[in-house]
Amino acid sequence: MARVEDYGQESPTEQEAVKALADLIGPQMAEGLWALSVQAVGLRRPVKTTAELRRVAEHVMEVGGLSRVAGRSLKVRIITYEALARTAQV
């Protein structure tokens, strides 16, 4: 994905989102929860854009527990990336 060159920040990816979720709830649960969340928000994998990732992250947050932590972390990462990208374009 795109890189914000001035800040060295890579765009968040589905792969890193699932890995972060797996670090908290295990790989099988993470993969299942991610797949169900993607489907629940009406998307298909692979999830590519930050807007799509944000929608899935918000759904993951609704599950609660450690999933909420992973979803919130991804959402913050997306917001940060988008803000930096806007700043770098100006």
N, C-alpha and C. Protein backbone atom coordinates (compact mmCIF):
# COMPACT_ATOMS: atom_id res chain seq x y z
N MET A 1 0.84 -1.19 0.00
CA MET A 1 0.00 0.00 0.00
C MET A 1 0.88 1.25 0.00
N ALA A 2 0.21 2.36 0.00
CA ALA A 2 0.91 3.65 -0.09
C ALA A 2 1.73 3.92 1.16
N ARG A 3 2.74 4.74 0.97
CA ARG A 3 3.61 5.12 2.07
C ARG A 3 3.65 6.64 2.14
N VAL A 4 3.51 7.16 3.34
CA VAL A 4 3.64 8.60 3.54
C VAL A 4 5.13 8.86 3.71
N GLU A 5 5.78 9.23 2.61
CA GLU A 5 7.24 9.34 2.57
C GLU A 5 7.82 10.27 3.62
N ASP A 6 7.23 11.43 3.81
CA ASP A 6 7.80 12.39 4.74
C ASP A 6 7.80 11.89 6.19
N TYR A 7 6.96 10.91 6.48
CA TYR A 7 6.85 10.43 7.85
C TYR A 7 7.29 8.98 8.02
N GLY A 8 7.57 8.29 6.92
CA GLY A 8 7.99 6.90 7.00
C GLY A 8 6.88 5.98 7.47
N GLN A 9 5.66 6.38 7.26
CA GLN A 9 4.49 5.63 7.75
C GLN A 9 3.86 4.83 6.61
N GLU A 10 3.79 3.52 6.79
CA GLU A 10 3.15 2.64 5.81
C GLU A 10 1.65 2.63 6.05
N SER A 11 0.89 2.47 4.97
CA SER A 11 -0.55 2.34 5.08
C SER A 11 -0.89 1.03 5.80
N PRO A 12 -1.88 1.07 6.70
CA PRO A 12 -2.29 -0.16 7.38
C PRO A 12 -2.79 -1.18 6.35
N THR A 13 -2.60 -2.45 6.65
CA THR A 13 -3.05 -3.51 5.76
C THR A 13 -3.92 -4.50 6.52
N GLU A 14 -4.70 -5.23 5.75
CA GLU A 14 -5.52 -6.28 6.33
C GLU A 14 -4.64 -7.32 7.03
N GLN A 15 -3.54 -7.66 6.40
CA GLN A 15 -2.64 -8.68 6.95
C GLN A 15 -2.13 -8.27 8.34
N GLU A 16 -1.69 -7.02 8.50
CA GLU A 16 -1.20 -6.60 9.81
C GLU A 16 -2.34 -6.48 10.82
N ALA A 17 -3.53 -6.14 10.35
CA ALA A 17 -4.68 -6.06 11.25
C ALA A 17 -5.03 -7.43 11.81
N VAL A 18 -5.05 -8.43 10.95
CA VAL A 18 -5.36 -9.79 11.40
C VAL A 18 -4.26 -10.31 12.32
N LYS A 19 -3.01 -9.99 12.02
CA LYS A 19 -1.91 -10.43 12.89
C LYS A 19 -2.02 -9.80 14.27
N ALA A 20 -2.34 -8.52 14.33
CA ALA A 20 -2.49 -7.85 15.63
C ALA A 20 -3.63 -8.48 16.42
N LEU A 21 -4.70 -8.79 15.74
CA LEU A 21 -5.83 -9.45 16.39
C LEU A 21 -5.43 -10.84 16.87
N ALA A 22 -4.66 -11.56 16.05
CA ALA A 22 -4.19 -12.90 16.41
C ALA A 22 -3.28 -12.88 17.63
N ASP A 23 -2.49 -11.82 17.76
CA ASP A 23 -1.61 -11.70 18.93
C ASP A 23 -2.42 -11.64 20.23
N LEU A 24 -3.66 -11.18 20.14
CA LEU A 24 -4.49 -11.06 21.34
C LEU A 24 -5.42 -12.25 21.56
N ILE A 25 -5.99 -12.79 20.46
CA ILE A 25 -7.00 -13.84 20.65
C ILE A 25 -6.66 -15.17 19.98
N GLY A 26 -5.50 -15.23 19.35
CA GLY A 26 -5.09 -16.45 18.68
C GLY A 26 -5.41 -16.42 17.20
N PRO A 27 -4.62 -17.13 16.41
CA PRO A 27 -4.74 -17.04 14.95
C PRO A 27 -6.07 -17.55 14.39
N GLN A 28 -6.59 -18.65 14.90
CA GLN A 28 -7.84 -19.18 14.37
C GLN A 28 -9.03 -18.28 14.70
N MET A 29 -9.08 -17.82 15.93
CA MET A 29 -10.16 -16.91 16.33
C MET A 29 -10.06 -15.60 15.57
N ALA A 30 -8.84 -15.10 15.39
CA ALA A 30 -8.65 -13.83 14.68
C ALA A 30 -9.11 -13.95 13.24
N GLU A 31 -8.71 -15.01 12.58
CA GLU A 31 -9.10 -15.20 11.18
C GLU A 31 -10.61 -15.32 11.06
N GLY A 32 -11.23 -16.08 11.95
CA GLY A 32 -12.69 -16.24 11.91
C GLY A 32 -13.42 -14.95 12.20
N LEU A 33 -12.99 -14.23 13.23
CA LEU A 33 -13.63 -12.97 13.59
C LEU A 33 -13.46 -11.94 12.47
N TRP A 34 -12.27 -11.88 11.90
CA TRP A 34 -12.04 -10.92 10.82
C TRP A 34 -12.94 -11.24 9.62
N ALA A 35 -12.98 -12.51 9.23
CA ALA A 35 -13.80 -12.91 8.08
C ALA A 35 -15.28 -12.59 8.32
N LEU A 36 -15.77 -12.88 9.51
CA LEU A 36 -17.17 -12.58 9.83
C LEU A 36 -17.43 -11.08 9.86
N SER A 37 -16.48 -10.32 10.36
CA SER A 37 -16.64 -8.87 10.42
C SER A 37 -16.65 -8.26 9.02
N VAL A 38 -15.78 -8.74 8.16
CA VAL A 38 -15.74 -8.27 6.77
C VAL A 38 -17.10 -8.52 6.12
N GLN A 39 -17.59 -9.71 6.31
CA GLN A 39 -18.88 -10.09 5.73
C GLN A 39 -20.01 -9.25 6.33
N ALA A 40 -19.97 -9.03 7.63
CA ALA A 40 -21.03 -8.30 8.32
C ALA A 40 -21.16 -6.85 7.84
N VAL A 41 -20.06 -6.25 7.43
CA VAL A 41 -20.12 -4.86 6.94
C VAL A 41 -20.28 -4.80 5.42
N GLY A 42 -20.51 -5.95 4.80
CA GLY A 42 -20.80 -5.98 3.37
C GLY A 42 -19.62 -5.87 2.44
N LEU A 43 -18.44 -6.27 2.92
CA LEU A 43 -17.23 -6.21 2.10
C LEU A 43 -16.77 -7.61 1.73
N ARG A 44 -15.76 -7.66 0.88
CA ARG A 44 -15.10 -8.91 0.51
C ARG A 44 -13.61 -8.77 0.77
N ARG A 45 -13.00 -9.89 1.03
CA ARG A 45 -11.56 -9.91 1.22
C ARG A 45 -10.86 -10.02 -0.12
N PRO A 46 -9.72 -9.45 -0.27
CA PRO A 46 -8.98 -8.70 0.74
C PRO A 46 -9.53 -7.27 0.90
N VAL A 47 -9.50 -6.80 2.12
CA VAL A 47 -9.89 -5.44 2.44
C VAL A 47 -8.68 -4.57 2.11
N LYS A 48 -8.86 -3.58 1.25
CA LYS A 48 -7.70 -2.85 0.74
C LYS A 48 -7.59 -1.40 1.21
N THR A 49 -8.68 -0.68 1.22
CA THR A 49 -8.57 0.75 1.52
C THR A 49 -8.65 1.01 3.02
N THR A 50 -8.15 2.15 3.42
CA THR A 50 -8.23 2.51 4.84
C THR A 50 -9.68 2.70 5.26
N ALA A 51 -10.52 3.19 4.36
CA ALA A 51 -11.95 3.36 4.69
C ALA A 51 -12.59 2.01 4.98
N GLU A 52 -12.26 1.01 4.18
CA GLU A 52 -12.79 -0.33 4.40
C GLU A 52 -12.23 -0.93 5.69
N LEU A 53 -10.93 -0.76 5.90
CA LEU A 53 -10.32 -1.27 7.13
C LEU A 53 -10.97 -0.65 8.36
N ARG A 54 -11.29 0.63 8.28
CA ARG A 54 -11.91 1.31 9.41
C ARG A 54 -13.29 0.71 9.70
N ARG A 55 -14.06 0.43 8.66
CA ARG A 55 -15.39 -0.17 8.86
C ARG A 55 -15.28 -1.52 9.55
N VAL A 56 -14.32 -2.33 9.12
CA VAL A 56 -14.13 -3.64 9.73
C VAL A 56 -13.64 -3.49 11.17
N ALA A 57 -12.71 -2.58 11.40
CA ALA A 57 -12.20 -2.33 12.75
C ALA A 57 -13.33 -1.93 13.69
N GLU A 58 -14.22 -1.09 13.24
CA GLU A 58 -15.34 -0.67 14.08
C GLU A 58 -16.26 -1.83 14.40
N HIS A 59 -16.43 -2.74 13.46
CA HIS A 59 -17.24 -3.93 13.74
C HIS A 59 -16.53 -4.84 14.74
N VAL A 60 -15.24 -5.03 14.57
CA VAL A 60 -14.46 -5.86 15.50
C VAL A 60 -14.56 -5.28 16.92
N MET A 61 -14.56 -3.96 17.03
CA MET A 61 -14.66 -3.32 18.34
C MET A 61 -15.97 -3.66 19.04
N GLU A 62 -17.03 -3.85 18.27
CA GLU A 62 -18.34 -4.17 18.83
C GLU A 62 -18.38 -5.52 19.53
N VAL A 63 -17.46 -6.40 19.17
CA VAL A 63 -17.42 -7.73 19.78
C VAL A 63 -17.06 -7.62 21.26
N GLY A 64 -16.20 -6.66 21.58
CA GLY A 64 -15.81 -6.43 22.97
C GLY A 64 -14.58 -7.21 23.37
N GLY A 65 -14.24 -7.11 24.64
CA GLY A 65 -13.07 -7.78 25.18
C GLY A 65 -11.79 -7.38 24.48
N LEU A 66 -10.91 -8.33 24.27
CA LEU A 66 -9.63 -8.05 23.62
C LEU A 66 -9.82 -7.66 22.16
N SER A 67 -10.90 -8.10 21.55
CA SER A 67 -11.19 -7.71 20.18
C SER A 67 -11.42 -6.21 20.10
N ARG A 68 -12.05 -5.66 21.11
CA ARG A 68 -12.27 -4.21 21.15
C ARG A 68 -10.93 -3.46 21.16
N VAL A 69 -9.98 -3.99 21.90
CA VAL A 69 -8.65 -3.38 21.97
C VAL A 69 -7.98 -3.40 20.59
N ALA A 70 -8.03 -4.54 19.92
CA ALA A 70 -7.40 -4.65 18.59
C ALA A 70 -8.09 -3.75 17.58
N GLY A 71 -9.41 -3.72 17.62
CA GLY A 71 -10.16 -2.87 16.69
C GLY A 71 -9.87 -1.40 16.92
N ARG A 72 -9.81 -0.99 18.18
CA ARG A 72 -9.52 0.40 18.51
C ARG A 72 -8.10 0.77 18.08
N SER A 73 -7.17 -0.13 18.29
CA SER A 73 -5.78 0.13 17.89
C SER A 73 -5.68 0.32 16.38
N LEU A 74 -6.37 -0.54 15.62
CA LEU A 74 -6.36 -0.41 14.17
C LEU A 74 -7.00 0.91 13.75
N LYS A 75 -8.10 1.27 14.37
CA LYS A 75 -8.78 2.51 14.02
C LYS A 75 -7.87 3.72 14.27
N VAL A 76 -7.18 3.73 15.39
CA VAL A 76 -6.24 4.82 15.69
C VAL A 76 -5.12 4.86 14.66
N ARG A 77 -4.62 3.71 14.30
CA ARG A 77 -3.56 3.62 13.29
C ARG A 77 -4.02 4.19 11.95
N ILE A 78 -5.26 3.87 11.57
CA ILE A 78 -5.82 4.37 10.31
C ILE A 78 -5.98 5.89 10.37
N ILE A 79 -6.54 6.39 11.46
CA ILE A 79 -6.75 7.83 11.61
C ILE A 79 -5.41 8.56 11.54
N THR A 80 -4.41 8.02 12.19
CA THR A 80 -3.07 8.62 12.18
C THR A 80 -2.49 8.63 10.77
N TYR A 81 -2.58 7.50 10.09
CA TYR A 81 -2.05 7.41 8.74
C TYR A 81 -2.74 8.42 7.82
N GLU A 82 -4.07 8.48 7.90
CA GLU A 82 -4.81 9.40 7.03
C GLU A 82 -4.45 10.87 7.33
N ALA A 83 -4.29 11.19 8.59
CA ALA A 83 -3.92 12.57 8.96
C ALA A 83 -2.52 12.90 8.43
N LEU A 84 -1.59 11.98 8.58
CA LEU A 84 -0.24 12.21 8.07
C LEU A 84 -0.22 12.32 6.56
N ALA A 85 -1.03 11.50 5.90
CA ALA A 85 -1.10 11.53 4.44
C ALA A 85 -1.62 12.88 3.96
N ARG A 86 -2.63 13.42 4.64
CA ARG A 86 -3.15 14.74 4.26
C ARG A 86 -2.10 15.81 4.47
N THR A 87 -1.37 15.72 5.55
CA THR A 87 -0.32 16.71 5.86
C THR A 87 0.80 16.64 4.82
N ALA A 88 1.18 15.45 4.41
CA ALA A 88 2.27 15.28 3.45
C ALA A 88 1.88 15.78 2.07
N GLN A 89 0.59 15.79 1.76
CA GLN A 89 0.13 16.24 0.44
C GLN A 89 0.07 17.76 0.35
N VAL A 90 0.01 18.43 1.47
CA VAL A 90 -0.13 19.89 1.46
C VAL A 90 1.16 20.58 1.13
